[in-house]
Amino acid sequence: MASSATGTRNVVAVPYPGRGHINPMLAVCRLLVAADGALTVTVVVTEEWHALLASAPTLPDRLRFATIPNDVIPPERSRGVDHAAFFEAVSVKMAEAVGQLLGRLVLELQPRPEGIVVDTYLTWGVAVGTRCRIPVCSLWTQPATFFLALYHLDLWSSGDEHERDEELSTKSMDQYVSCLSSVRMSDLMVFSRWKRHMKITAEAFVKVRKAQCLLLTSFHELEPRAINTTAELLPFPVYPIGPVHMQPDGNTGRIQDEEHRDWLDAQPEKSVMYVSFGSYASMPHSQFQEIAMGLLDAGVKFFWMARDKAPELREKCGDKGLAVPWCDQQEVLRHPSVGGFLSHCGWNSVLEAVCAGVPVIGFPVAWDQLVNARMVADEWKVGIDLREQRGEDGSVSRAAISDAARKLMDSDSAVGQEMRKRAAQLREVSRSAVREGGSSHRSFSGFLEDLAEGRLEVAESSH
């Protein structure tokens, strides 16, 4: 699979412009250049994102960047102010800019790119690739279960929008796809009212059927039925290659930040609740306060990646916890003192928890997070889904948060012990998947061979 040559072949990668999509795309690109010494990967990002990524840990020499102008899409710091404008810019203006850049790369890169890895949500990705006669590898950065739910969007999105959440929560997606019995209609219908967003999503799932293959950041043992069903549905190869950020031995290094490392080193084993709601998700200040008070009531030590709220939280938590604006999440989760994770349940965070063997309290906000939290609690049984504890105003009380934290972190609790046991089992399965001979290792090797041998050809009908 590896080659002694250096940079004799080229692949282009185009992530969706958001950290939850860019991080797994970069992880896939790292795997590509590590596994095949003949490959150079060129990642297309905005100038803003290039500057942000320049401060990240050193990237491999054969992983390079090509940029499009910043004015193509709204800046990252303000994307949440006007979601509609951001989605519109990505769908229209970014398509034109990437198309022009890819045309230049085809002429400049020698030899010409033999594949383009494009985020599934970029509705124009397949067309841009096929215009240049480059095989398109669609990268799905969320669970296969959610892919299937959106693949069948035309069946469920026309449901009764006026049904109450309590009624929808009793209806399962298995009426459409038998392997989605753990997904409730309430997990999906809650965002079916986002008309523009859903229109773009529907378009993405029409276009993805014209790609040459699908890459999944999940792994077979985690979602066997969903992955098998996806492979049966699609007219091209499906490669589950995850968890993409994990090394086969399960180790990624030592926490670099001295304050973070020293504080965690001083805590007893599995005594700390790590708290993070991702790089983008937001919540009302009142809910933030309820979470903080709930953790304090539970008497659980916590390490909170709180972004701009870190100074306020430091004053509140005293010696009960440490609040920081940013941290290396993978390394924190792997620290021996961490025994639980209060999370928004973004897919990257869920996979990192699985790899670390840490049980999760799910506090999902939107989109795939609702499905992810349900899988964590109901399917894998490695956590608690707080969505079931929301009141009429949509918030979760400090009492409910405190109760969940105690239940998950109590070493003498039968429920907590079972979740920790199952989490540890999932950790070992995830490590086995990426080791040589494991399911993801075999799948990734097959993808590299198919790419190198030219088996992922662009059909004439796609041109």
Protein backbone atom coordinates (compact mmCIF):
# COMPACT_ATOMS: atom_id res chain seq x y z
CA MET A 1 0.00 0.00 0.00
CA ALA A 2 2.85 2.42 0.75
CA SER A 3 5.34 3.63 -1.79
CA SER A 4 8.91 4.85 -1.52
CA ALA A 5 8.23 7.58 -4.07
CA THR A 6 7.50 11.09 -2.86
CA GLY A 7 4.60 13.12 -4.18
CA THR A 8 4.27 11.36 -7.52
CA ARG A 9 0.46 11.36 -7.42
CA ASN A 10 -2.12 13.97 -6.42
CA VAL A 11 -5.48 14.13 -4.65
CA VAL A 12 -7.53 17.26 -3.91
CA ALA A 13 -9.71 17.63 -0.79
CA VAL A 14 -12.55 20.14 -0.31
CA PRO A 15 -14.05 20.27 3.21
CA TYR A 16 -17.25 22.06 4.17
CA PRO A 17 -16.11 25.36 5.79
CA GLY A 18 -16.77 24.56 9.45
CA ARG A 19 -14.51 23.08 12.14
CA GLY A 20 -16.71 20.00 12.60
CA HIS A 21 -16.14 19.19 8.91
CA ILE A 22 -12.60 20.48 8.39
CA ASN A 23 -11.12 18.48 11.28
CA PRO A 24 -12.27 15.05 10.04
CA MET A 25 -11.31 15.98 6.45
CA LEU A 26 -7.78 16.83 7.61
CA ALA A 27 -7.69 13.57 9.56
CA VAL A 28 -8.56 11.65 6.39
CA CYS A 29 -5.88 13.58 4.48
CA ARG A 30 -3.29 12.70 7.13
CA LEU A 31 -4.23 9.04 6.76
CA LEU A 32 -3.84 9.26 2.98
CA VAL A 33 -0.33 10.70 3.01
CA ALA A 34 0.75 8.42 5.87
CA ALA A 35 -0.47 5.29 4.11
CA ASP A 36 0.81 6.09 0.63
CA GLY A 37 4.18 7.80 0.23
CA ALA A 38 3.38 8.57 -3.40
CA LEU A 39 0.44 10.84 -2.58
CA THR A 40 0.35 14.59 -2.14
CA VAL A 41 -2.99 15.99 -0.94
CA THR A 42 -4.01 19.59 -1.67
CA VAL A 43 -6.72 20.89 0.68
CA VAL A 44 -8.93 23.75 -0.54
CA VAL A 45 -9.95 26.27 2.16
CA THR A 46 -10.63 29.98 2.47
CA GLU A 47 -7.74 32.31 3.30
CA GLU A 48 -9.26 32.77 6.77
CA TRP A 49 -9.28 29.04 7.44
CA HIS A 50 -5.75 28.71 6.11
CA ALA A 51 -4.61 31.27 8.69
CA LEU A 52 -6.49 29.44 11.47
CA LEU A 53 -5.02 26.08 10.49
CA ALA A 54 -1.50 27.48 10.25
CA SER A 55 -1.41 27.64 14.06
CA ALA A 56 -2.49 23.99 14.37
CA PRO A 57 -0.04 21.13 15.07
CA THR A 58 2.45 20.57 12.27
CA LEU A 59 0.91 18.96 9.22
CA PRO A 60 2.71 16.41 7.01
CA ASP A 61 4.88 17.81 4.20
CA ARG A 62 2.70 16.24 1.52
CA LEU A 63 -0.44 17.84 2.90
CA ARG A 64 -0.69 21.29 1.33
CA PHE A 65 -3.26 24.07 1.01
CA ALA A 66 -4.77 26.01 -1.86
CA THR A 67 -7.00 28.97 -0.98
CA ILE A 68 -10.08 30.75 -2.22
CA PRO A 69 -10.80 34.41 -1.26
CA ASN A 70 -12.33 35.26 2.12
CA ASP A 71 -15.18 37.25 0.58
CA VAL A 72 -16.68 34.09 -0.92
CA ILE A 73 -18.44 33.20 2.35
CA PRO A 74 -19.15 35.06 5.64
CA PRO A 75 -16.29 34.94 8.17
CA GLU A 76 -16.24 32.10 10.69
CA ARG A 77 -16.80 34.40 13.68
CA SER A 78 -20.12 35.67 12.28
CA ARG A 79 -21.54 32.62 10.51
CA GLY A 80 -23.99 32.03 13.37
CA VAL A 81 -25.52 35.51 13.01
CA ASP A 82 -27.18 34.71 9.69
CA HIS A 83 -27.34 30.98 9.00
CA ALA A 84 -29.32 31.44 5.79
CA ALA A 85 -26.75 33.78 4.26
CA PHE A 86 -23.93 31.41 5.17
CA PHE A 87 -25.64 28.37 3.64
CA GLU A 88 -26.51 30.37 0.53
CA ALA A 89 -22.92 31.58 0.07
CA VAL A 90 -21.53 28.06 0.46
CA SER A 91 -24.06 26.72 -2.04
CA VAL A 92 -23.51 29.38 -4.71
CA LYS A 93 -20.43 31.59 -4.38
CA MET A 94 -18.13 28.92 -2.98
CA ALA A 95 -19.05 26.59 -5.86
CA GLU A 96 -17.85 29.10 -8.44
CA ALA A 97 -14.61 29.87 -6.58
CA VAL A 98 -13.71 26.22 -6.00
CA GLY A 99 -14.59 25.35 -9.60
CA GLN A 100 -12.17 27.98 -10.90
CA LEU A 101 -9.43 26.92 -8.48
CA LEU A 102 -9.83 23.24 -9.32
CA GLY A 103 -9.55 24.06 -13.02
CA ARG A 104 -6.18 25.71 -12.32
CA LEU A 105 -5.01 22.83 -10.11
CA VAL A 106 -5.77 20.33 -12.85
CA LEU A 107 -3.37 22.25 -15.10
CA GLU A 108 -0.73 22.97 -12.44
CA LEU A 109 -0.52 19.65 -10.58
CA GLN A 110 1.56 17.02 -12.30
CA PRO A 111 0.32 14.43 -12.67
CA ARG A 112 -3.29 15.62 -12.71
CA PRO A 113 -5.36 14.79 -9.58
CA GLU A 114 -6.64 11.22 -9.59
CA GLY A 115 -9.38 11.92 -7.06
CA ILE A 116 -11.19 14.70 -5.24
CA VAL A 117 -12.48 14.12 -1.70
CA VAL A 118 -15.49 16.42 -1.18
CA ASP A 119 -17.75 16.88 1.84
CA THR A 120 -21.18 15.41 1.07
CA TYR A 121 -22.93 18.63 2.10
CA LEU A 122 -21.24 20.57 -0.72
CA THR A 123 -24.06 20.12 -3.22
CA TRP A 124 -21.88 21.17 -6.16
CA GLY A 125 -18.94 18.90 -5.31
CA VAL A 126 -19.81 16.07 -7.68
CA ALA A 127 -20.45 18.41 -10.62
CA VAL A 128 -17.16 20.29 -10.06
CA GLY A 129 -15.22 17.03 -10.00
CA THR A 130 -16.89 15.41 -12.97
CA ARG A 131 -16.46 18.55 -15.11
CA CYS A 132 -12.73 18.06 -14.64
CA ARG A 133 -13.04 14.29 -15.19
CA ILE A 134 -11.81 13.57 -11.65
CA PRO A 135 -13.40 10.76 -9.59
CA VAL A 136 -15.39 12.23 -6.69
CA CYS A 137 -15.04 10.60 -3.26
CA SER A 138 -17.85 11.95 -1.08
CA LEU A 139 -16.84 12.25 2.59
CA TRP A 140 -19.63 11.89 5.17
CA THR A 141 -18.52 13.35 8.52
CA GLN A 142 -21.57 12.25 10.54
CA PRO A 143 -22.90 8.79 11.47
CA ALA A 144 -24.05 6.33 8.83
CA THR A 145 -27.35 6.18 10.72
CA PHE A 146 -27.95 9.88 10.05
CA PHE A 147 -26.87 9.46 6.42
CA LEU A 148 -29.64 6.88 5.98
CA ALA A 149 -32.21 9.13 7.66
CA LEU A 150 -31.39 12.00 5.28
CA TYR A 151 -31.14 9.66 2.31
CA HIS A 152 -34.82 8.92 2.93
CA LEU A 153 -35.68 12.54 3.60
CA ASP A 154 -38.37 12.55 0.89
CA LEU A 155 -40.31 9.93 2.87
CA TRP A 156 -40.36 11.52 6.31
CA SER A 157 -39.96 15.27 5.74
CA SER A 158 -43.54 15.55 4.50
CA GLY A 159 -44.90 14.35 7.84
CA ASP A 160 -47.38 16.31 9.93
CA GLU A 161 -45.46 19.31 11.26
CA HIS A 162 -48.19 19.98 13.80
CA GLU A 163 -47.78 16.70 15.66
CA ARG A 164 -46.61 17.24 19.19
CA ASP A 165 -43.09 16.22 20.14
CA GLU A 166 -44.47 13.65 22.59
CA GLU A 167 -46.32 11.95 19.71
CA LEU A 168 -43.33 12.07 17.38
CA SER A 169 -41.03 10.69 20.10
CA THR A 170 -43.00 7.42 20.05
CA LYS A 171 -42.68 7.00 16.28
CA SER A 172 -39.59 5.21 15.04
CA MET A 173 -37.77 5.64 11.73
CA ASP A 174 -38.02 1.88 11.21
CA GLN A 175 -41.29 2.49 9.36
CA TYR A 176 -39.02 3.70 6.55
CA VAL A 177 -35.74 1.83 7.16
CA SER A 178 -35.69 -1.23 9.40
CA CYS A 179 -32.20 -0.60 10.79
CA LEU A 180 -33.20 2.83 12.16
CA SER A 181 -35.41 1.58 14.98
CA SER A 182 -33.43 3.57 17.58
CA VAL A 183 -34.12 6.88 15.78
CA ARG A 184 -37.36 8.67 16.64
CA MET A 185 -39.29 10.95 14.32
CA SER A 186 -38.91 13.73 16.90
CA ASP A 187 -35.14 13.58 16.32
CA LEU A 188 -35.73 14.60 12.70
CA MET A 189 -38.95 16.58 12.47
CA VAL A 190 -37.62 19.18 14.89
CA PHE A 191 -35.50 20.65 12.09
CA SER A 192 -37.72 19.83 9.11
CA ARG A 193 -39.09 23.37 9.46
CA TRP A 194 -35.70 24.80 8.38
CA LYS A 195 -36.93 25.11 4.82
CA ARG A 196 -33.82 26.52 3.12
CA HIS A 197 -31.44 24.24 5.01
CA MET A 198 -33.55 21.18 4.24
CA LYS A 199 -33.75 22.14 0.55
CA ILE A 200 -29.95 22.27 0.35
CA THR A 201 -29.69 18.96 2.24
CA ALA A 202 -32.17 17.31 -0.13
CA GLU A 203 -30.11 18.54 -3.07
CA ALA A 204 -26.91 17.14 -1.52
CA PHE A 205 -28.49 13.70 -1.22
CA VAL A 206 -29.61 13.72 -4.82
CA LYS A 207 -26.13 14.74 -6.01
CA VAL A 208 -24.23 12.26 -3.80
CA ARG A 209 -25.74 9.39 -5.80
CA LYS A 210 -23.61 10.50 -8.75
CA ALA A 211 -20.30 10.33 -6.86
CA GLN A 212 -17.82 7.50 -7.44
CA CYS A 213 -17.60 6.36 -3.80
CA LEU A 214 -18.55 7.26 -0.23
CA LEU A 215 -16.11 7.53 2.68
CA LEU A 216 -17.53 7.18 6.21
CA THR A 217 -15.76 8.42 9.34
CA SER A 218 -17.62 5.74 11.31
CA PHE A 219 -16.53 2.10 11.60
CA HIS A 220 -18.37 -1.12 10.91
CA GLU A 221 -18.55 -2.46 14.46
CA LEU A 222 -20.14 0.78 15.71
CA GLU A 223 -22.96 0.93 13.14
CA PRO A 224 -23.05 -2.45 11.37
CA ARG A 225 -26.65 -2.42 10.16
CA ALA A 226 -26.62 1.21 9.00
CA ILE A 227 -23.32 0.76 7.15
CA ASN A 228 -24.45 -2.48 5.48
CA THR A 229 -27.76 -0.92 4.42
CA THR A 230 -25.98 2.15 3.03
CA ALA A 231 -23.65 -0.08 1.01
CA GLU A 232 -26.66 -1.98 -0.39
CA LEU A 233 -28.46 1.24 -1.37
CA LEU A 234 -25.68 3.09 -3.18
CA PRO A 235 -24.49 2.21 -6.70
CA PHE A 236 -20.80 2.58 -5.81
CA PRO A 237 -18.30 1.45 -3.14
CA VAL A 238 -18.76 2.53 0.49
CA TYR A 239 -15.65 2.64 2.65
CA PRO A 240 -16.08 2.92 6.46
CA ILE A 241 -12.60 4.08 7.52
CA GLY A 242 -13.10 5.50 11.01
CA PRO A 243 -12.39 6.55 13.60
CA VAL A 244 -10.15 8.62 11.31
CA HIS A 245 -8.37 10.65 14.01
CA MET A 246 -7.22 7.62 16.00
CA GLN A 247 -3.83 5.95 15.85
CA PRO A 248 -3.84 2.12 15.90
CA ASP A 249 -2.23 1.99 19.37
CA GLY A 250 -4.79 4.44 20.77
CA ASN A 251 -2.13 6.96 21.80
CA THR A 252 -1.73 10.48 20.45
CA GLY A 253 0.75 12.06 22.86
CA ARG A 254 0.89 14.16 26.02
CA ILE A 255 -1.21 17.21 26.92
CA GLN A 256 0.96 20.15 25.91
CA ASP A 257 -0.69 22.90 27.97
CA GLU A 258 1.05 22.90 31.35
CA GLU A 259 -1.92 24.25 33.36
CA HIS A 260 -4.32 21.70 31.87
CA ARG A 261 -1.88 18.83 32.42
CA ASP A 262 -0.98 19.77 35.99
CA TRP A 263 -4.62 20.22 37.04
CA LEU A 264 -5.70 16.89 35.56
CA ASP A 265 -2.65 15.08 36.97
CA ALA A 266 -3.68 16.24 40.46
CA GLN A 267 -7.14 14.61 40.26
CA PRO A 268 -8.01 10.99 41.18
CA GLU A 269 -8.55 8.48 38.39
CA LYS A 270 -11.90 8.80 36.56
CA SER A 271 -13.07 11.57 38.91
CA VAL A 272 -13.35 14.44 36.40
CA MET A 273 -16.27 15.33 34.14
CA TYR A 274 -15.00 16.89 30.92
CA VAL A 275 -17.50 19.47 29.58
CA SER A 276 -17.60 20.88 26.06
CA PHE A 277 -20.34 21.93 23.68
CA GLY A 278 -18.10 22.16 20.63
CA SER A 279 -16.70 25.05 18.66
CA TYR A 280 -19.98 26.30 17.23
CA ALA A 281 -23.00 25.29 19.31
CA SER A 282 -24.43 28.00 21.55
CA MET A 283 -27.02 28.10 24.32
CA PRO A 284 -28.94 30.72 26.32
CA HIS A 285 -27.02 32.15 29.27
CA SER A 286 -29.70 30.84 31.64
CA GLN A 287 -29.05 27.28 30.44
CA PHE A 288 -25.32 27.78 30.84
CA GLN A 289 -25.96 28.81 34.45
CA GLU A 290 -28.16 25.76 35.10
CA ILE A 291 -25.44 23.43 33.82
CA ALA A 292 -22.79 25.07 36.00
CA MET A 293 -24.99 24.95 39.10
CA GLY A 294 -26.02 21.37 38.39
CA LEU A 295 -22.40 20.21 38.24
CA LEU A 296 -21.58 22.11 41.43
CA ASP A 297 -24.60 20.55 43.17
CA ALA A 298 -23.43 17.10 42.08
CA GLY A 299 -20.08 17.64 43.78
CA VAL A 300 -18.27 16.41 40.68
CA LYS A 301 -14.92 17.90 39.65
CA PHE A 302 -15.12 19.21 36.09
CA PHE A 303 -12.81 20.44 33.34
CA TRP A 304 -14.83 22.76 31.07
CA MET A 305 -13.81 23.98 27.64
CA ALA A 306 -16.02 27.06 27.87
CA ARG A 307 -14.67 29.32 25.11
CA ASP A 308 -15.52 32.99 25.83
CA LYS A 309 -17.39 32.06 29.04
CA ALA A 310 -14.27 30.64 30.70
CA PRO A 311 -13.45 33.75 32.84
CA GLU A 312 -17.00 33.90 34.26
CA LEU A 313 -17.01 30.18 34.95
CA ARG A 314 -13.65 30.26 36.72
CA GLU A 315 -15.06 32.66 39.29
CA LYS A 316 -18.09 30.43 39.81
CA CYS A 317 -16.43 27.03 40.11
CA GLY A 318 -13.60 27.88 42.52
CA ASP A 319 -11.64 24.74 43.38
CA LYS A 320 -14.40 22.47 42.05
CA GLY A 321 -13.20 22.68 38.48
CA LEU A 322 -11.09 24.28 35.78
CA ALA A 323 -12.61 26.37 32.98
CA VAL A 324 -10.51 27.08 29.89
CA PRO A 325 -11.23 28.84 26.59
CA TRP A 326 -9.74 26.01 24.52
CA CYS A 327 -7.98 22.67 24.92
CA ASP A 328 -6.84 19.57 23.09
CA GLN A 329 -10.04 17.58 23.49
CA GLN A 330 -8.66 14.20 22.43
CA GLU A 331 -5.81 14.40 24.93
CA VAL A 332 -8.07 15.57 27.76
CA LEU A 333 -10.52 12.73 27.14
CA ARG A 334 -7.66 10.22 27.22
CA HIS A 335 -6.31 11.50 30.54
CA PRO A 336 -6.72 8.88 33.32
CA SER A 337 -8.53 11.36 35.60
CA VAL A 338 -11.41 11.88 33.13
CA GLY A 339 -14.36 9.59 33.79
CA GLY A 340 -17.24 11.28 31.93
CA PHE A 341 -18.03 13.71 29.14
CA LEU A 342 -20.91 16.23 29.11
CA SER A 343 -21.22 16.95 25.40
CA HIS A 344 -23.40 18.47 22.68
CA CYS A 345 -22.87 15.12 20.92
CA GLY A 346 -21.38 16.37 17.69
CA TRP A 347 -20.17 13.33 15.77
CA ASN A 348 -16.46 14.12 16.17
CA SER A 349 -16.91 14.44 19.93
CA VAL A 350 -18.87 11.19 20.12
CA LEU A 351 -16.17 9.32 18.21
CA GLU A 352 -13.44 10.81 20.40
CA ALA A 353 -15.34 9.68 23.51
CA VAL A 354 -15.74 6.19 22.04
CA CYS A 355 -12.00 6.02 21.30
CA ALA A 356 -11.16 7.17 24.83
CA GLY A 357 -13.62 4.78 26.47
CA VAL A 358 -15.41 7.64 28.26
CA PRO A 359 -19.20 7.50 28.89
CA VAL A 360 -21.23 10.51 27.75
CA ILE A 361 -24.00 12.74 29.06
CA GLY A 362 -25.61 14.02 25.89
CA PHE A 363 -26.86 17.60 25.69
CA PRO A 364 -27.79 17.72 21.97
CA VAL A 365 -28.65 21.06 20.40
CA ALA A 366 -29.53 20.39 16.76
CA TRP A 367 -29.08 18.37 13.57
CA ASP A 368 -27.29 14.99 13.87
CA GLN A 369 -26.57 15.64 17.56
CA LEU A 370 -30.11 14.54 18.44
CA VAL A 371 -29.62 11.18 16.72
CA ASN A 372 -26.08 10.81 18.08
CA ALA A 373 -27.23 11.34 21.67
CA ARG A 374 -29.97 8.74 21.25
CA MET A 375 -27.51 6.18 19.89
CA VAL A 376 -25.14 6.87 22.80
CA ALA A 377 -27.90 6.27 25.37
CA ASP A 378 -30.29 3.79 23.77
CA GLU A 379 -28.25 1.77 21.27
CA TRP A 380 -24.71 1.59 22.67
CA LYS A 381 -25.82 2.23 26.27
CA VAL A 382 -22.70 4.23 27.11
CA GLY A 383 -24.40 7.36 28.38
CA ILE A 384 -27.46 9.44 29.24
CA ASP A 385 -29.52 11.59 26.85
CA LEU A 386 -30.59 14.81 28.59
CA ARG A 387 -32.97 15.70 25.77
CA GLU A 388 -35.53 13.54 27.51
CA GLN A 389 -35.21 15.86 30.53
CA ARG A 390 -36.10 19.11 28.75
CA GLY A 391 -38.92 21.15 30.27
CA GLU A 392 -41.70 22.97 28.44
CA ASP A 393 -39.36 25.90 27.77
CA GLY A 394 -36.82 23.56 26.16
CA SER A 395 -34.24 23.88 28.94
CA VAL A 396 -32.79 21.24 31.26
CA SER A 397 -32.88 21.98 35.00
CA ARG A 398 -29.90 22.00 37.33
CA ALA A 399 -31.54 19.13 39.23
CA ALA A 400 -31.66 16.93 36.11
CA ILE A 401 -28.06 17.78 35.25
CA SER A 402 -26.92 17.09 38.80
CA ASP A 403 -28.75 13.76 38.86
CA ALA A 404 -27.21 12.64 35.54
CA ALA A 405 -23.71 13.68 36.64
CA ARG A 406 -24.00 11.76 39.92
CA LYS A 407 -25.37 8.68 38.19
CA LEU A 408 -22.64 8.59 35.55
CA MET A 409 -19.68 9.47 37.80
CA ASP A 410 -20.57 7.43 40.91
CA SER A 411 -18.11 4.52 40.96
CA ASP A 412 -20.50 2.54 43.17
CA SER A 413 -23.53 3.03 40.93
CA ALA A 414 -24.59 -0.10 39.04
CA VAL A 415 -25.81 2.07 36.16
CA GLY A 416 -22.56 4.00 36.03
CA GLN A 417 -20.46 0.85 36.26
CA GLU A 418 -22.33 -0.71 33.33
CA MET A 419 -21.89 2.39 31.18
CA ARG A 420 -18.16 2.51 31.96
CA LYS A 421 -17.81 -1.19 31.17
CA ARG A 422 -19.55 -0.82 27.80
CA ALA A 423 -17.54 2.33 27.02
CA ALA A 424 -14.30 0.44 27.70
CA GLN A 425 -15.45 -2.33 25.35
CA LEU A 426 -16.20 0.16 22.59
CA ARG A 427 -12.74 1.69 23.06
CA GLU A 428 -11.10 -1.69 22.43
CA VAL A 429 -13.30 -2.34 19.40
CA SER A 430 -12.42 1.06 17.93
CA ARG A 431 -8.72 0.36 18.35
CA SER A 432 -9.05 -3.04 16.72
CA ALA A 433 -10.85 -1.50 13.74
CA VAL A 434 -7.88 0.68 12.76
CA ARG A 435 -5.14 -1.86 13.47
CA GLU A 436 -3.69 -3.86 10.59
CA GLY A 437 -6.28 -6.44 9.59
CA GLY A 438 -9.11 -4.54 11.31
CA SER A 439 -12.32 -3.62 9.51
CA SER A 440 -11.42 0.04 8.89
CA HIS A 441 -7.82 -0.76 7.99
CA ARG A 442 -9.02 -3.24 5.36
CA SER A 443 -11.61 -0.79 4.05
CA PHE A 444 -9.08 2.05 3.81
CA SER A 445 -6.57 -0.23 2.07
CA GLY A 446 -9.27 -1.17 -0.44
CA PHE A 447 -10.04 2.49 -1.08
CA LEU A 448 -6.36 3.32 -1.71
CA GLU A 449 -6.00 0.39 -4.09
CA ASP A 450 -9.15 1.28 -6.00
CA LEU A 451 -7.98 4.89 -6.27
CA ALA A 452 -4.46 3.98 -7.38
CA GLU A 453 -5.66 1.40 -9.91
CA GLY A 454 -8.18 3.81 -11.47
CA ARG A 455 -11.21 1.71 -10.55
CA LEU A 456 -13.18 4.77 -9.39
CA GLU A 457 -13.86 6.05 -12.87
CA VAL A 458 -16.13 8.96 -13.77
CA ALA A 459 -19.11 7.58 -15.69
CA GLU A 460 -19.84 9.18 -19.05
CA SER A 461 -23.38 9.93 -17.89
CA SER A 462 -21.97 12.01 -15.03
CA HIS A 463 -19.97 14.29 -17.31
